[in-house]
């Protein structure tokens, strides 16, 4: 949750060696959830509302880096060291073209300023290692990441994600479609979490123009249990989802005021 009335704050990356040799790479401060204490009763969370500036130098350079990686078929993609600190702060999501990196086995996003990952990460069919560690504004992941069948290793700052077992921060409340026609290429992320929802997270069919049917589910992804946002074409697809991970909410849900298992 962001508060437009509060001044922007930045803090230094405490693990600069994970990004490159330059110290003090800044990240935007995040007030969405406590990462050091159990969430109090009645606590609420909201999605980050930031929209990616697709004209920003950092974004344009990232597009170039993805094209280079797709062309040379590299197996490791570590884009942040190729950007200046200011350019890194400009990146709040990844381009859909990330799905073109079908030869990449290792994706490193240490210390990023990301608030969301696009569903196209599910097209990275060779991905084996995913490392967005210390990306403290990244609170959830797209369900499509479960399509990365070779993914066996992950390094995620799990204290920063919804429903984590240490502090059980609440999930943003998901609302059903209200029947209005939507621009599925320009959804408001404060409402939907994502900015695009073209295809169903479950069956890959088209999402209706009234918007996706959404649900949360916590599942083991490689070595971490992650909160996954499902954007389905129908309630029928939601009904086919597997149960949640052991020790977490045991079924898909809409977040908000829902009981979670006690912290561990």
C-alpha atoms as a PDB file:
ATOM      1  CA  UNK A   1       0.000   0.000   0.000  1.00  0.00           C
ATOM      2  CA  UNK A   2       1.368   3.368  -0.913  1.00  0.00           C
ATOM      3  CA  UNK A   3       0.448   6.688   0.655  1.00  0.00           C
ATOM      4  CA  UNK A   4       0.735   9.532  -1.823  1.00  0.00           C
ATOM      5  CA  UNK A   5       0.680  12.043   1.032  1.00  0.00           C
ATOM      6  CA  UNK A   6       3.938  10.735   2.488  1.00  0.00           C
ATOM      7  CA  UNK A   7       7.312  11.758   1.042  1.00  0.00           C
ATOM      8  CA  UNK A   8       9.225   9.144  -0.896  1.00  0.00           C
ATOM      9  CA  UNK A   9      11.989   7.478   1.065  1.00  0.00           C
ATOM     10  CA  UNK A  10      14.870   5.345  -0.064  1.00  0.00           C
ATOM     11  CA  UNK A  11      17.212   3.090   1.823  1.00  0.00           C
ATOM     12  CA  UNK A  12      20.473   1.506   0.716  1.00  0.00           C
ATOM     13  CA  UNK A  13      20.695  -2.059  -0.437  1.00  0.00           C
ATOM     14  CA  UNK A  14      22.410  -3.908   2.423  1.00  0.00           C
ATOM     15  CA  UNK A  15      23.679  -6.562   0.015  1.00  0.00           C
ATOM     16  CA  UNK A  16      25.338  -4.549  -2.781  1.00  0.00           C
ATOM     17  CA  UNK A  17      27.651  -7.415  -3.624  1.00  0.00           C
ATOM     18  CA  UNK A  18      24.596  -9.355  -4.811  1.00  0.00           C
ATOM     19  CA  UNK A  19      24.017  -6.741  -7.505  1.00  0.00           C
ATOM     20  CA  UNK A  20      27.443  -5.394  -8.371  1.00  0.00           C
ATOM     21  CA  UNK A  21      30.446  -3.782  -6.711  1.00  0.00           C
ATOM     22  CA  UNK A  22      28.937  -0.327  -6.304  1.00  0.00           C
ATOM     23  CA  UNK A  23      27.643   0.336  -2.757  1.00  0.00           C
ATOM     24  CA  UNK A  24      24.482   2.141  -1.780  1.00  0.00           C
ATOM     25  CA  UNK A  25      22.130   1.100  -4.562  1.00  0.00           C
ATOM     26  CA  UNK A  26      18.834   2.715  -3.520  1.00  0.00           C
ATOM     27  CA  UNK A  27      15.423   1.118  -3.295  1.00  0.00           C
ATOM     28  CA  UNK A  28      12.122   2.837  -2.620  1.00  0.00           C
ATOM     29  CA  UNK A  29      10.873   2.365   0.927  1.00  0.00           C
ATOM     30  CA  UNK A  30       7.760   0.215   1.281  1.00  0.00           C
ATOM     31  CA  UNK A  31       5.141   0.633   4.017  1.00  0.00           C
ATOM     32  CA  UNK A  32       2.839  -2.162   2.858  1.00  0.00           C
ATOM     33  CA  UNK A  33       3.499  -4.611   5.660  1.00  0.00           C
ATOM     34  CA  UNK A  34       5.662  -5.096   8.684  1.00  0.00           C
ATOM     35  CA  UNK A  35       8.692  -7.278   8.049  1.00  0.00           C
ATOM     36  CA  UNK A  36       9.640  -7.533  11.707  1.00  0.00           C
ATOM     37  CA  UNK A  37       6.499  -8.283  13.729  1.00  0.00           C
ATOM     38  CA  UNK A  38       3.298 -10.286  13.593  1.00  0.00           C
ATOM     39  CA  UNK A  39       0.493  -8.459  11.799  1.00  0.00           C
ATOM     40  CA  UNK A  40      -2.073  -7.118  14.282  1.00  0.00           C
ATOM     41  CA  UNK A  41      -5.741  -8.129  14.099  1.00  0.00           C
ATOM     42  CA  UNK A  42      -7.649  -6.097  11.540  1.00  0.00           C
ATOM     43  CA  UNK A  43      -4.559  -5.169   9.518  1.00  0.00           C
ATOM     44  CA  UNK A  44      -5.197  -4.614   5.811  1.00  0.00           C
ATOM     45  CA  UNK A  45      -2.963  -4.470   2.775  1.00  0.00           C
ATOM     46  CA  UNK A  46      -3.388  -3.064  -0.697  1.00  0.00           C
ATOM     47  CA  UNK A  47      -1.635  -3.592  -3.996  1.00  0.00           C
ATOM     48  CA  UNK A  48       1.085  -1.240  -5.119  1.00  0.00           C
ATOM     49  CA  UNK A  49      -0.444   1.279  -7.499  1.00  0.00           C
ATOM     50  CA  UNK A  50       2.708   2.272  -9.413  1.00  0.00           C
ATOM     51  CA  UNK A  51       2.479   2.224 -13.201  1.00  0.00           C
ATOM     52  CA  UNK A  52       5.620   1.447 -15.155  1.00  0.00           C
ATOM     53  CA  UNK A  53       6.985   4.478 -17.028  1.00  0.00           C
ATOM     54  CA  UNK A  54       7.696   2.902 -20.411  1.00  0.00           C
ATOM     55  CA  UNK A  55       9.606   5.985 -21.523  1.00  0.00           C
ATOM     56  CA  UNK A  56      12.088   5.883 -18.647  1.00  0.00           C
ATOM     57  CA  UNK A  57      15.745   5.283 -19.604  1.00  0.00           C
ATOM     58  CA  UNK A  58      15.948   2.292 -17.280  1.00  0.00           C
ATOM     59  CA  UNK A  59      12.959   0.625 -18.944  1.00  0.00           C
ATOM     60  CA  UNK A  60      14.313   1.241 -22.442  1.00  0.00           C
ATOM     61  CA  UNK A  61      17.695  -0.155 -21.460  1.00  0.00           C
ATOM     62  CA  UNK A  62      16.037  -3.230 -19.922  1.00  0.00           C
ATOM     63  CA  UNK A  63      14.205  -3.861 -23.188  1.00  0.00           C
ATOM     64  CA  UNK A  64      17.552  -3.758 -24.986  1.00  0.00           C
ATOM     65  CA  UNK A  65      19.116  -6.162 -22.503  1.00  0.00           C
ATOM     66  CA  UNK A  66      16.278  -8.649 -22.968  1.00  0.00           C
ATOM     67  CA  UNK A  67      16.672  -8.464 -26.739  1.00  0.00           C
ATOM     68  CA  UNK A  68      20.408  -9.092 -26.414  1.00  0.00           C
ATOM     69  CA  UNK A  69      19.834 -12.055 -24.108  1.00  0.00           C
ATOM     70  CA  UNK A  70      17.197 -13.548 -26.402  1.00  0.00           C
ATOM     71  CA  UNK A  71      19.499 -13.160 -29.405  1.00  0.00           C
ATOM     72  CA  UNK A  72      22.578 -14.758 -27.891  1.00  0.00           C
ATOM     73  CA  UNK A  73      20.737 -17.528 -26.042  1.00  0.00           C
ATOM     74  CA  UNK A  74      22.487 -16.933 -22.729  1.00  0.00           C
ATOM     75  CA  UNK A  75      21.660 -19.144 -19.783  1.00  0.00           C
ATOM     76  CA  UNK A  76      21.992 -16.497 -17.038  1.00  0.00           C
ATOM     77  CA  UNK A  77      20.186 -13.157 -17.071  1.00  0.00           C
ATOM     78  CA  UNK A  78      21.364 -10.630 -14.495  1.00  0.00           C
ATOM     79  CA  UNK A  79      20.200  -7.230 -15.811  1.00  0.00           C
ATOM     80  CA  UNK A  80      20.473  -4.906 -12.810  1.00  0.00           C
ATOM     81  CA  UNK A  81      24.258  -4.452 -12.829  1.00  0.00           C
ATOM     82  CA  UNK A  82      23.856  -3.099 -16.379  1.00  0.00           C
ATOM     83  CA  UNK A  83      21.689  -0.228 -15.085  1.00  0.00           C
ATOM     84  CA  UNK A  84      22.616   2.831 -13.067  1.00  0.00           C
ATOM     85  CA  UNK A  85      21.130   3.123  -9.558  1.00  0.00           C
ATOM     86  CA  UNK A  86      18.564   5.644 -10.798  1.00  0.00           C
ATOM     87  CA  UNK A  87      17.631   3.429 -13.740  1.00  0.00           C
ATOM     88  CA  UNK A  88      17.080   0.501 -11.391  1.00  0.00           C
ATOM     89  CA  UNK A  89      14.630   2.541  -9.359  1.00  0.00           C
ATOM     90  CA  UNK A  90      12.657   3.193 -12.537  1.00  0.00           C
ATOM     91  CA  UNK A  91      11.878  -0.514 -13.009  1.00  0.00           C
ATOM     92  CA  UNK A  92       8.714  -1.544 -11.113  1.00  0.00           C
ATOM     93  CA  UNK A  93       7.866  -4.538 -13.287  1.00  0.00           C
ATOM     94  CA  UNK A  94       9.485  -6.595 -16.022  1.00  0.00           C
ATOM     95  CA  UNK A  95       8.508  -6.375 -19.691  1.00  0.00           C
ATOM     96  CA  UNK A  96       6.302  -9.068 -21.184  1.00  0.00           C
ATOM     97  CA  UNK A  97       9.228  -9.818 -23.487  1.00  0.00           C
ATOM     98  CA  UNK A  98      10.885 -11.595 -20.533  1.00  0.00           C
ATOM     99  CA  UNK A  99       8.982 -14.612 -21.824  1.00  0.00           C
ATOM    100  CA  UNK A 100      11.297 -14.716 -24.839  1.00  0.00           C
ATOM    101  CA  UNK A 101      14.202 -15.803 -22.655  1.00  0.00           C
ATOM    102  CA  UNK A 102      13.509 -19.488 -23.125  1.00  0.00           C
ATOM    103  CA  UNK A 103      17.194 -20.464 -22.811  1.00  0.00           C
ATOM    104  CA  UNK A 104      17.752 -18.667 -19.508  1.00  0.00           C
ATOM    105  CA  UNK A 105      18.296 -21.021 -16.581  1.00  0.00           C
ATOM    106  CA  UNK A 106      19.163 -18.427 -13.933  1.00  0.00           C
ATOM    107  CA  UNK A 107      17.282 -15.153 -13.409  1.00  0.00           C
ATOM    108  CA  UNK A 108      18.875 -12.833 -10.842  1.00  0.00           C
ATOM    109  CA  UNK A 109      16.971  -9.746  -9.631  1.00  0.00           C
ATOM    110  CA  UNK A 110      18.708  -9.099  -6.296  1.00  0.00           C
ATOM    111  CA  UNK A 111      17.829  -5.763  -4.703  1.00  0.00           C
ATOM    112  CA  UNK A 112      15.309  -4.734  -7.345  1.00  0.00           C
ATOM    113  CA  UNK A 113      12.646  -2.051  -6.999  1.00  0.00           C
ATOM    114  CA  UNK A 114      10.008  -4.365  -8.480  1.00  0.00           C
ATOM    115  CA  UNK A 115       6.424  -4.403  -7.225  1.00  0.00           C
ATOM    116  CA  UNK A 116       5.160  -7.087  -9.636  1.00  0.00           C
ATOM    117  CA  UNK A 117       6.330  -9.796 -12.028  1.00  0.00           C
ATOM    118  CA  UNK A 118       4.432 -10.300 -15.316  1.00  0.00           C
ATOM    119  CA  UNK A 119       2.719 -13.614 -16.081  1.00  0.00           C
ATOM    120  CA  UNK A 120       5.044 -14.087 -19.055  1.00  0.00           C
ATOM    121  CA  UNK A 121       7.659 -15.426 -16.638  1.00  0.00           C
ATOM    122  CA  UNK A 122       5.801 -18.687 -17.104  1.00  0.00           C
ATOM    123  CA  UNK A 123       7.149 -18.819 -20.673  1.00  0.00           C
ATOM    124  CA  UNK A 124      10.740 -19.088 -19.403  1.00  0.00           C
ATOM    125  CA  UNK A 125      10.639 -22.843 -19.879  1.00  0.00           C
ATOM    126  CA  UNK A 126      14.328 -23.459 -19.048  1.00  0.00           C
ATOM    127  CA  UNK A 127      14.305 -21.482 -15.800  1.00  0.00           C
ATOM    128  CA  UNK A 128      15.940 -23.413 -12.961  1.00  0.00           C
ATOM    129  CA  UNK A 129      16.981 -20.701 -10.495  1.00  0.00           C
ATOM    130  CA  UNK A 130      15.015 -17.557  -9.596  1.00  0.00           C
ATOM    131  CA  UNK A 131      16.636 -15.040  -7.244  1.00  0.00           C
ATOM    132  CA  UNK A 132      14.765 -11.796  -6.454  1.00  0.00           C
ATOM    133  CA  UNK A 133      16.266 -11.668  -2.951  1.00  0.00           C
ATOM    134  CA  UNK A 134      16.057  -8.326  -1.080  1.00  0.00           C
ATOM    135  CA  UNK A 135      13.373  -7.100  -3.503  1.00  0.00           C
ATOM    136  CA  UNK A 136      11.361  -5.984  -0.496  1.00  0.00           C
ATOM    137  CA  UNK A 137       8.501  -4.406  -2.442  1.00  0.00           C
ATOM    138  CA  UNK A 138       7.726  -7.673  -4.194  1.00  0.00           C
ATOM    139  CA  UNK A 139       4.882  -9.136  -2.111  1.00  0.00           C
ATOM    140  CA  UNK A 140       3.340 -11.679  -4.495  1.00  0.00           C
ATOM    141  CA  UNK A 141       4.001 -13.604  -7.710  1.00  0.00           C
ATOM    142  CA  UNK A 142       1.900 -14.617 -10.721  1.00  0.00           C
ATOM    143  CA  UNK A 143       0.462 -18.126 -10.712  1.00  0.00           C
ATOM    144  CA  UNK A 144       2.004 -18.597 -14.144  1.00  0.00           C
ATOM    145  CA  UNK A 145       5.403 -19.112 -12.505  1.00  0.00           C
ATOM    146  CA  UNK A 146       4.208 -22.640 -11.705  1.00  0.00           C
ATOM    147  CA  UNK A 147       4.568 -23.395 -15.443  1.00  0.00           C
ATOM    148  CA  UNK A 148       8.353 -23.215 -15.048  1.00  0.00           C
ATOM    149  CA  UNK A 149       8.598 -26.972 -14.637  1.00  0.00           C
ATOM    150  CA  UNK A 150      12.398 -26.970 -14.269  1.00  0.00           C
ATOM    151  CA  UNK A 151      12.481 -24.368 -11.500  1.00  0.00           C
ATOM    152  CA  UNK A 152      14.170 -26.028  -8.511  1.00  0.00           C
ATOM    153  CA  UNK A 153      15.939 -23.219  -6.660  1.00  0.00           C
ATOM    154  CA  UNK A 154      14.640 -19.869  -5.426  1.00  0.00           C
ATOM    155  CA  UNK A 155      15.962 -17.122  -3.184  1.00  0.00           C
ATOM    156  CA  UNK A 156      13.097 -14.877  -2.092  1.00  0.00           C
ATOM    157  CA  UNK A 157      12.796 -12.432   0.803  1.00  0.00           C
ATOM    158  CA  UNK A 158       9.852 -14.341   2.223  1.00  0.00           C
ATOM    159  CA  UNK A 159       9.326 -11.887   5.094  1.00  0.00           C
ATOM    160  CA  UNK A 160       8.209  -9.441   2.407  1.00  0.00           C
ATOM    161  CA  UNK A 161       5.408 -11.596   0.981  1.00  0.00           C
ATOM    162  CA  UNK A 162       1.748 -11.842   1.889  1.00  0.00           C
ATOM    163  CA  UNK A 163       0.808 -14.631   4.268  1.00  0.00           C
ATOM    164  CA  UNK A 164       4.393 -15.550   5.177  1.00  0.00           C
ATOM    165  CA  UNK A 165       4.625 -18.013   8.052  1.00  0.00           C
ATOM    166  CA  UNK A 166       6.624 -15.720  10.349  1.00  0.00           C
ATOM    167  CA  UNK A 167       4.253 -12.733  10.473  1.00  0.00           C
ATOM    168  CA  UNK A 168       1.107 -13.704   8.491  1.00  0.00           C
ATOM    169  CA  UNK A 169       0.514 -10.292   6.865  1.00  0.00           C
ATOM    170  CA  UNK A 170      -2.928 -10.186   5.242  1.00  0.00           C
ATOM    171  CA  UNK A 171      -3.560 -10.543   1.535  1.00  0.00           C
ATOM    172  CA  UNK A 172      -5.179  -7.660  -0.380  1.00  0.00           C
ATOM    173  CA  UNK A 173      -8.869  -8.272  -0.820  1.00  0.00           C
ATOM    174  CA  UNK A 174      -9.844  -9.449  -4.296  1.00  0.00           C
ATOM    175  CA  UNK A 175     -13.180  -8.398  -5.759  1.00  0.00           C
ATOM    176  CA  UNK A 176     -15.175 -10.316  -8.382  1.00  0.00           C
ATOM    177  CA  UNK A 177     -15.774  -8.738 -11.807  1.00  0.00           C
ATOM    178  CA  UNK A 178     -18.659  -6.288 -11.720  1.00  0.00           C
ATOM    179  CA  UNK A 179     -19.806  -6.777 -15.319  1.00  0.00           C
ATOM    180  CA  UNK A 180     -18.221  -3.660 -16.779  1.00  0.00           C
ATOM    181  CA  UNK A 181     -16.129  -3.924 -19.934  1.00  0.00           C
ATOM    182  CA  UNK A 182     -12.430  -3.386 -19.234  1.00  0.00           C
ATOM    183  CA  UNK A 183      -9.218  -2.656 -21.056  1.00  0.00           C
ATOM    184  CA  UNK A 184      -7.350  -5.873 -20.296  1.00  0.00           C
ATOM    185  CA  UNK A 185      -4.106  -4.257 -21.474  1.00  0.00           C
ATOM    186  CA  UNK A 186      -4.451  -1.344 -19.057  1.00  0.00           C
ATOM    187  CA  UNK A 187      -5.940  -2.543 -15.790  1.00  0.00           C
ATOM    188  CA  UNK A 188      -5.470  -0.321 -12.718  1.00  0.00           C
ATOM    189  CA  UNK A 189      -3.046  -2.265 -10.505  1.00  0.00           C
ATOM    190  CA  UNK A 190      -4.441  -0.751  -7.312  1.00  0.00           C
ATOM    191  CA  UNK A 191      -7.634  -2.718  -8.063  1.00  0.00           C
ATOM    192  CA  UNK A 192      -6.372  -5.810  -9.870  1.00  0.00           C
ATOM    193  CA  UNK A 193      -2.764  -6.132  -8.745  1.00  0.00           C
ATOM    194  CA  UNK A 194      -1.702  -6.532 -12.349  1.00  0.00           C
ATOM    195  CA  UNK A 195      -1.899  -4.186 -15.337  1.00  0.00           C
ATOM    196  CA  UNK A 196      -2.651  -6.872 -17.926  1.00  0.00           C
ATOM    197  CA  UNK A 197      -4.745 -10.040 -17.902  1.00  0.00           C
ATOM    198  CA  UNK A 198      -5.038 -11.403 -21.401  1.00  0.00           C
ATOM    199  CA  UNK A 199      -5.003 -15.145 -20.819  1.00  0.00           C
ATOM    200  CA  UNK A 200      -6.212 -17.404 -18.046  1.00  0.00           C
ATOM    201  CA  UNK A 201      -3.602 -18.376 -15.468  1.00  0.00           C
ATOM    202  CA  UNK A 202      -5.089 -21.874 -15.355  1.00  0.00           C
ATOM    203  CA  UNK A 203      -6.171 -22.943 -18.862  1.00  0.00           C
ATOM    204  CA  UNK A 204      -4.413 -20.228 -20.955  1.00  0.00           C
ATOM    205  CA  UNK A 205      -7.706 -19.379 -22.658  1.00  0.00           C
ATOM    206  CA  UNK A 206      -8.812 -15.764 -23.152  1.00  0.00           C
ATOM    207  CA  UNK A 207      -9.941 -13.718 -20.170  1.00  0.00           C
ATOM    208  CA  UNK A 208     -13.406 -12.189 -20.739  1.00  0.00           C
ATOM    209  CA  UNK A 209     -13.654  -8.461 -21.356  1.00  0.00           C
ATOM    210  CA  UNK A 210     -15.282  -8.030 -17.938  1.00  0.00           C
ATOM    211  CA  UNK A 211     -12.007  -8.991 -16.296  1.00  0.00           C
ATOM    212  CA  UNK A 212     -10.428 -11.992 -14.608  1.00  0.00           C
ATOM    213  CA  UNK A 213     -11.811 -14.103 -11.808  1.00  0.00           C
ATOM    214  CA  UNK A 214      -9.116 -13.775  -9.170  1.00  0.00           C
ATOM    215  CA  UNK A 215      -7.897 -15.859  -6.276  1.00  0.00           C
ATOM    216  CA  UNK A 216      -4.915 -16.172  -3.960  1.00  0.00           C
ATOM    217  CA  UNK A 217      -3.147 -19.431  -3.339  1.00  0.00           C
ATOM    218  CA  UNK A 218       0.084 -20.140  -1.448  1.00  0.00           C
ATOM    219  CA  UNK A 219       2.127 -22.880  -3.109  1.00  0.00           C
ATOM    220  CA  UNK A 220       5.645 -24.222  -2.960  1.00  0.00           C
ATOM    221  CA  UNK A 221       7.639 -22.783  -5.858  1.00  0.00           C
ATOM    222  CA  UNK A 222      11.099 -24.320  -5.986  1.00  0.00           C
ATOM    223  CA  UNK A 223      12.369 -23.858  -2.409  1.00  0.00           C
ATOM    224  CA  UNK A 224       9.897 -21.230  -1.115  1.00  0.00           C
ATOM    225  CA  UNK A 225       6.174 -21.070  -0.426  1.00  0.00           C
ATOM    226  CA  UNK A 226       4.970 -18.034  -2.367  1.00  0.00           C
ATOM    227  CA  UNK A 227       1.639 -16.180  -2.519  1.00  0.00           C
ATOM    228  CA  UNK A 228       0.388 -16.564  -6.080  1.00  0.00           C
ATOM    229  CA  UNK A 229      -2.208 -14.379  -7.769  1.00  0.00           C
ATOM    230  CA  UNK A 230      -4.488 -16.306 -10.130  1.00  0.00           C
ATOM    231  CA  UNK A 231      -6.212 -14.456 -12.964  1.00  0.00           C
ATOM    232  CA  UNK A 232      -8.683 -16.983 -14.350  1.00  0.00           C
ATOM    233  CA  UNK A 233     -11.183 -16.858 -17.180  1.00  0.00           C
ATOM    234  CA  UNK A 234     -13.971 -18.332 -15.044  1.00  0.00           C
ATOM    235  CA  UNK A 235     -14.974 -19.640 -11.662  1.00  0.00           C
ATOM    236  CA  UNK A 236     -14.788 -23.107 -13.183  1.00  0.00           C
ATOM    237  CA  UNK A 237     -11.041 -22.668 -13.703  1.00  0.00           C
ATOM    238  CA  UNK A 238     -10.630 -21.423 -10.140  1.00  0.00           C
ATOM    239  CA  UNK A 239     -12.413 -24.560  -8.950  1.00  0.00           C
ATOM    240  CA  UNK A 240      -9.680 -26.721 -10.503  1.00  0.00           C
ATOM    241  CA  UNK A 241      -6.849 -25.135  -8.498  1.00  0.00           C
ATOM    242  CA  UNK A 242      -4.874 -27.384  -6.157  1.00  0.00           C
ATOM    243  CA  UNK A 243      -4.950 -26.915  -2.371  1.00  0.00           C
ATOM    244  CA  UNK A 244      -2.654 -24.486  -0.630  1.00  0.00           C
ATOM    245  CA  UNK A 245       0.691 -25.512   0.845  1.00  0.00           C
ATOM    246  CA  UNK A 246       0.729 -27.278   4.211  1.00  0.00           C
ATOM    247  CA  UNK A 247       0.725 -24.742   7.041  1.00  0.00           C
ATOM    248  CA  UNK A 248      -0.933 -22.045   4.925  1.00  0.00           C
ATOM    249  CA  UNK A 249      -4.536 -21.289   3.979  1.00  0.00           C
ATOM    250  CA  UNK A 250      -5.617 -24.643   2.595  1.00  0.00           C
ATOM    251  CA  UNK A 251      -7.745 -23.484  -0.352  1.00  0.00           C
ATOM    252  CA  UNK A 252      -7.829 -20.665  -2.907  1.00  0.00           C
ATOM    253  CA  UNK A 253      -9.286 -17.513  -1.381  1.00  0.00           C
ATOM    254  CA  UNK A 254      -9.976 -13.823  -1.991  1.00  0.00           C
ATOM    255  CA  UNK A 255      -7.860 -12.409   0.820  1.00  0.00           C
ATOM    256  CA  UNK A 256      -9.048  -9.585   3.017  1.00  0.00           C
ATOM    257  CA  UNK A 257     -10.489 -10.566   6.396  1.00  0.00           C
ATOM    258  CA  UNK A 258      -9.675 -14.253   6.272  1.00  0.00           C
ATOM    259  CA  UNK A 259      -8.223 -16.371   9.062  1.00  0.00           C
ATOM    260  CA  UNK A 260      -4.687 -17.622   8.552  1.00  0.00           C
ATOM    261  CA  UNK A 261      -2.793 -20.280  10.520  1.00  0.00           C
ATOM    262  CA  UNK A 262      -0.873 -18.826  13.466  1.00  0.00           C
ATOM    263  CA  UNK A 263       2.681 -17.569  12.850  1.00  0.00           C
ATOM    264  CA  UNK A 264       5.522 -20.019  13.361  1.00  0.00           C
END
